[in-house]
């Protein structure tokens, strides 16, 4: 197992799938986006015109904590890189599982601002910490940049016959498809289970964290066995 487990395609696509679920859930439930801060700012301006100040404050608070999450993620990357601790992102997956579990608790239901802020902060860290799949850049929170990658690389392959462009085209296409599948999955789930559907996101992060923990344990167990032979 390599130290760059966070660049595995399965990990990246699962995170993108979960982000589609998260954004659709927060919009359906709270009329706010967890990660699409462009949408939040547009909604904040339009709601300010209508003097919906409570809603405006919720959007701006989400954006502010999203910004803080980015700063923290950059700090964590530098901190753990300097100490050669490669698997700190694994703890982030467990943290996200806890955050989305807490978001499902009825005790927090009367406080939607707390939930949206927690989710925005957490997804921002995820966005920065997981930014590549097998060395190729991607965005696991939204589709605009990935759609650009699909279109530009399709053009380069069709017009210039560049083989790397073909690889990047399929790379970005799979990411966009994963996000859309997550959106559809959450819309269907919310209509069936309502607010409890956020537990699916928590379960997904927990399953991903446990599977990667097992692979990590197996890798070091094998390395230790090889050293003792």
Protein backbone atom coordinates (compact mmCIF):
# COMPACT_ATOMS: atom_id res chain seq x y z
CA UNK A 1 0.00 0.00 0.00
CA UNK A 2 1.39 3.39 -0.95
CA UNK A 3 1.47 6.46 1.27
CA UNK A 4 -0.76 8.24 -1.27
CA UNK A 5 -3.87 6.15 -0.54
CA UNK A 6 -5.87 9.36 -0.86
CA UNK A 7 -5.11 9.41 -4.59
CA UNK A 8 -6.69 6.02 -5.26
CA UNK A 9 -9.46 6.19 -7.84
CA UNK A 10 -11.92 4.32 -5.64
CA UNK A 11 -11.36 6.79 -2.80
CA UNK A 12 -11.73 9.84 -5.04
CA UNK A 13 -14.89 8.61 -6.72
CA UNK A 14 -16.51 7.64 -3.41
CA UNK A 15 -15.73 11.07 -1.97
CA UNK A 16 -17.21 12.73 -5.06
CA UNK A 17 -20.29 10.52 -4.82
CA UNK A 18 -20.72 11.48 -1.16
CA UNK A 19 -20.31 15.18 -2.01
CA UNK A 20 -23.18 14.93 -4.49
CA UNK A 21 -25.28 13.45 -1.71
CA UNK A 22 -24.20 16.13 0.77
CA UNK A 23 -24.93 19.12 -1.45
CA UNK A 24 -28.33 17.83 -2.50
CA UNK A 25 -29.23 17.01 1.13
CA UNK A 26 -28.28 20.42 2.51
CA UNK A 27 -30.14 22.22 -0.26
CA UNK A 28 -33.29 20.12 0.12
CA UNK A 29 -33.20 20.27 3.92
CA UNK A 30 -31.80 23.76 4.61
CA UNK A 31 -31.96 25.61 1.27
CA UNK A 32 -28.21 26.14 1.48
CA UNK A 33 -25.23 24.50 -0.17
CA UNK A 34 -22.62 22.77 1.95
CA UNK A 35 -19.78 23.34 -0.49
CA UNK A 36 -20.98 25.35 -3.51
CA UNK A 37 -20.18 28.74 -2.03
CA UNK A 38 -20.91 30.53 -5.31
CA UNK A 39 -24.50 29.38 -4.96
CA UNK A 40 -24.57 30.45 -1.31
CA UNK A 41 -23.35 33.96 -2.14
CA UNK A 42 -25.90 34.34 -4.93
CA UNK A 43 -28.68 33.19 -2.60
CA UNK A 44 -27.40 35.53 0.13
CA UNK A 45 -27.57 38.56 -2.17
CA UNK A 46 -31.04 37.74 -3.49
CA UNK A 47 -32.33 37.08 0.03
CA UNK A 48 -30.77 40.33 1.27
CA UNK A 49 -32.81 42.21 -1.33
CA UNK A 50 -35.91 40.57 0.17
CA UNK A 51 -34.70 41.41 3.72
CA UNK A 52 -34.43 37.74 4.69
CA UNK A 53 -31.59 38.48 7.07
CA UNK A 54 -31.67 35.20 8.96
CA UNK A 55 -31.19 33.26 5.73
CA UNK A 56 -28.49 35.68 4.60
CA UNK A 57 -26.59 35.17 7.84
CA UNK A 58 -26.80 31.40 7.46
CA UNK A 59 -25.32 31.54 3.95
CA UNK A 60 -22.50 33.91 4.91
CA UNK A 61 -21.65 31.89 8.02
CA UNK A 62 -21.39 28.76 5.89
CA UNK A 63 -19.05 30.55 3.47
CA UNK A 64 -16.89 31.88 6.31
CA UNK A 65 -16.42 28.45 7.88
CA UNK A 66 -15.76 26.95 4.46
CA UNK A 67 -12.93 29.48 4.15
CA UNK A 68 -11.60 28.52 7.60
CA UNK A 69 -11.70 24.84 6.60
CA UNK A 70 -9.47 25.54 3.61
CA UNK A 71 -6.94 27.32 5.81
CA UNK A 72 -6.93 24.47 8.33
CA UNK A 73 -6.49 21.87 5.58
CA UNK A 74 -3.43 23.70 4.22
CA UNK A 75 -1.98 23.86 7.73
CA UNK A 76 -2.59 20.14 8.31
CA UNK A 77 -0.92 19.21 5.03
CA UNK A 78 2.21 21.20 5.94
CA UNK A 79 2.19 19.98 9.55
CA UNK A 80 1.99 16.27 8.77
CA UNK A 81 4.26 16.47 5.73
CA UNK A 82 7.01 17.98 7.89
CA UNK A 83 6.63 15.07 10.33
CA UNK A 84 6.36 12.47 7.55
CA UNK A 85 2.98 11.27 8.79
CA UNK A 86 1.32 10.06 5.60
CA UNK A 87 -2.01 8.68 6.74
CA UNK A 88 -3.50 11.61 8.62
CA UNK A 89 -6.25 11.85 6.01
CA UNK A 90 -7.57 8.56 7.35
CA UNK A 91 -8.55 10.32 10.58
CA UNK A 92 -10.33 12.95 8.50
CA UNK A 93 -12.60 10.23 7.08
CA UNK A 94 -13.50 9.10 10.61
CA UNK A 95 -14.10 12.74 11.57
CA UNK A 96 -16.48 13.18 8.65
CA UNK A 97 -18.37 10.04 9.64
CA UNK A 98 -18.87 11.52 13.12
CA UNK A 99 -19.90 14.95 11.79
CA UNK A 100 -22.60 13.51 9.54
CA UNK A 101 -23.82 11.22 12.30
CA UNK A 102 -24.17 14.22 14.61
CA UNK A 103 -26.03 16.05 11.84
CA UNK A 104 -28.71 13.36 11.97
CA UNK A 105 -29.42 13.80 15.69
CA UNK A 106 -32.84 15.30 16.50
CA UNK A 107 -31.22 17.49 19.16
CA UNK A 108 -29.53 19.51 16.40
CA UNK A 109 -32.61 19.72 14.17
CA UNK A 110 -33.74 23.08 15.64
CA UNK A 111 -30.27 24.54 14.88
CA UNK A 112 -29.77 24.29 11.10
CA UNK A 113 -27.02 26.92 11.10
CA UNK A 114 -24.83 24.72 13.29
CA UNK A 115 -25.29 21.78 10.93
CA UNK A 116 -24.56 23.73 7.74
CA UNK A 117 -21.50 25.35 9.31
CA UNK A 118 -20.15 21.97 10.47
CA UNK A 119 -20.69 20.44 7.04
CA UNK A 120 -19.18 23.42 5.18
CA UNK A 121 -16.11 23.38 7.43
CA UNK A 122 -15.64 19.62 7.05
CA UNK A 123 -16.16 19.45 3.29
CA UNK A 124 -13.68 22.29 2.77
CA UNK A 125 -10.98 20.27 4.53
CA UNK A 126 -11.90 17.25 2.41
CA UNK A 127 -11.71 19.31 -0.79
CA UNK A 128 -8.14 20.42 -0.14
CA UNK A 129 -6.90 17.17 1.41
CA UNK A 130 -8.16 14.96 -1.43
CA UNK A 131 -7.35 16.86 -4.61
CA UNK A 132 -5.85 14.25 -6.94
CA UNK A 133 -6.68 10.84 -8.38
CA UNK A 134 -3.55 8.97 -9.48
CA UNK A 135 -1.75 12.30 -9.90
CA UNK A 136 -4.56 13.92 -11.90
CA UNK A 137 -6.24 16.96 -10.37
CA UNK A 138 -9.97 16.90 -9.74
CA UNK A 139 -12.62 18.50 -7.56
CA UNK A 140 -14.65 16.22 -5.31
CA UNK A 141 -17.15 18.85 -4.12
CA UNK A 142 -18.75 20.20 -7.29
CA UNK A 143 -18.73 19.70 -11.06
CA UNK A 144 -17.85 23.00 -12.76
CA UNK A 145 -14.10 22.42 -12.96
CA UNK A 146 -14.58 18.75 -13.77
CA UNK A 147 -17.00 19.59 -16.61
CA UNK A 148 -14.38 21.93 -18.02
CA UNK A 149 -11.91 19.04 -17.91
CA UNK A 150 -14.37 16.79 -19.76
CA UNK A 151 -14.97 19.32 -22.53
CA UNK A 152 -11.40 20.55 -23.06
CA UNK A 153 -9.89 17.08 -23.08
CA UNK A 154 -12.58 15.74 -25.40
CA UNK A 155 -11.74 18.55 -27.81
CA UNK A 156 -7.98 17.91 -27.58
CA UNK A 157 -8.49 14.21 -28.27
CA UNK A 158 -10.94 14.63 -31.16
CA UNK A 159 -9.03 17.45 -32.86
CA UNK A 160 -5.41 16.79 -31.96
CA UNK A 161 -5.57 13.05 -31.24
CA UNK A 162 -3.66 13.41 -27.99
CA UNK A 163 -3.70 10.12 -26.09
CA UNK A 164 -3.18 11.75 -22.66
CA UNK A 165 -6.26 13.88 -23.38
CA UNK A 166 -8.29 10.71 -23.86
CA UNK A 167 -7.16 9.46 -20.45
CA UNK A 168 -8.03 12.78 -18.81
CA UNK A 169 -11.41 12.83 -20.57
CA UNK A 170 -12.40 9.51 -19.00
CA UNK A 171 -10.92 10.65 -15.69
CA UNK A 172 -13.08 13.76 -15.48
CA UNK A 173 -16.12 12.00 -16.94
CA UNK A 174 -16.03 9.39 -14.16
CA UNK A 175 -15.82 12.13 -11.54
CA UNK A 176 -18.80 14.04 -12.97
CA UNK A 177 -20.79 10.80 -13.19
CA UNK A 178 -19.96 9.96 -9.57
CA UNK A 179 -21.18 13.37 -8.40
CA UNK A 180 -24.42 13.18 -10.37
CA UNK A 181 -25.05 9.65 -9.12
CA UNK A 182 -24.66 10.92 -5.56
CA UNK A 183 -27.14 13.74 -6.19
CA UNK A 184 -29.71 11.34 -7.63
CA UNK A 185 -29.12 8.86 -4.83
CA UNK A 186 -29.75 11.46 -2.14
CA UNK A 187 -32.86 12.88 -3.81
CA UNK A 188 -34.37 9.39 -3.97
CA UNK A 189 -33.24 8.57 -0.43
CA UNK A 190 -34.61 11.81 1.02
CA UNK A 191 -38.02 11.16 -0.47
CA UNK A 192 -37.97 7.72 1.15
CA UNK A 193 -36.34 8.36 4.54
CA UNK A 194 -36.33 12.12 4.96
CA UNK A 195 -33.77 13.64 7.32
CA UNK A 196 -32.42 10.21 8.29
CA UNK A 197 -30.94 9.85 4.79
CA UNK A 198 -27.88 11.81 5.96
CA UNK A 199 -26.92 8.64 7.87
CA UNK A 200 -26.11 7.11 4.48
CA UNK A 201 -23.35 9.69 4.10
CA UNK A 202 -22.02 8.96 7.58
CA UNK A 203 -22.06 5.22 6.85
CA UNK A 204 -20.22 5.77 3.58
CA UNK A 205 -17.41 7.69 5.28
CA UNK A 206 -17.19 5.10 8.05
CA UNK A 207 -17.03 2.22 5.57
CA UNK A 208 -14.34 4.01 3.56
CA UNK A 209 -12.32 4.78 6.69
CA UNK A 210 -12.57 1.20 7.99
CA UNK A 211 -11.63 -0.33 4.64
CA UNK A 212 -8.58 1.92 4.33
CA UNK A 213 -7.62 1.20 7.94
CA UNK A 214 -7.72 -2.52 7.21
CA UNK A 215 -5.58 -2.10 4.10
CA UNK A 216 -3.11 -0.02 6.10
CA UNK A 217 -2.96 -2.63 8.86
CA UNK A 218 -2.48 -5.41 6.32
CA UNK A 219 0.31 -3.48 4.59
CA UNK A 220 2.29 -2.89 7.79
CA UNK A 221 1.61 -6.40 9.02
CA UNK A 222 3.06 -7.76 5.77
CA UNK A 223 6.05 -5.42 5.98
CA UNK A 224 6.74 -6.54 9.55
CA UNK A 225 6.47 -10.19 8.49
CA UNK A 226 8.93 -9.61 5.65
CA UNK A 227 11.42 -7.92 7.99
CA UNK A 228 11.34 -10.83 10.43
CA UNK A 229 11.99 -13.50 7.79
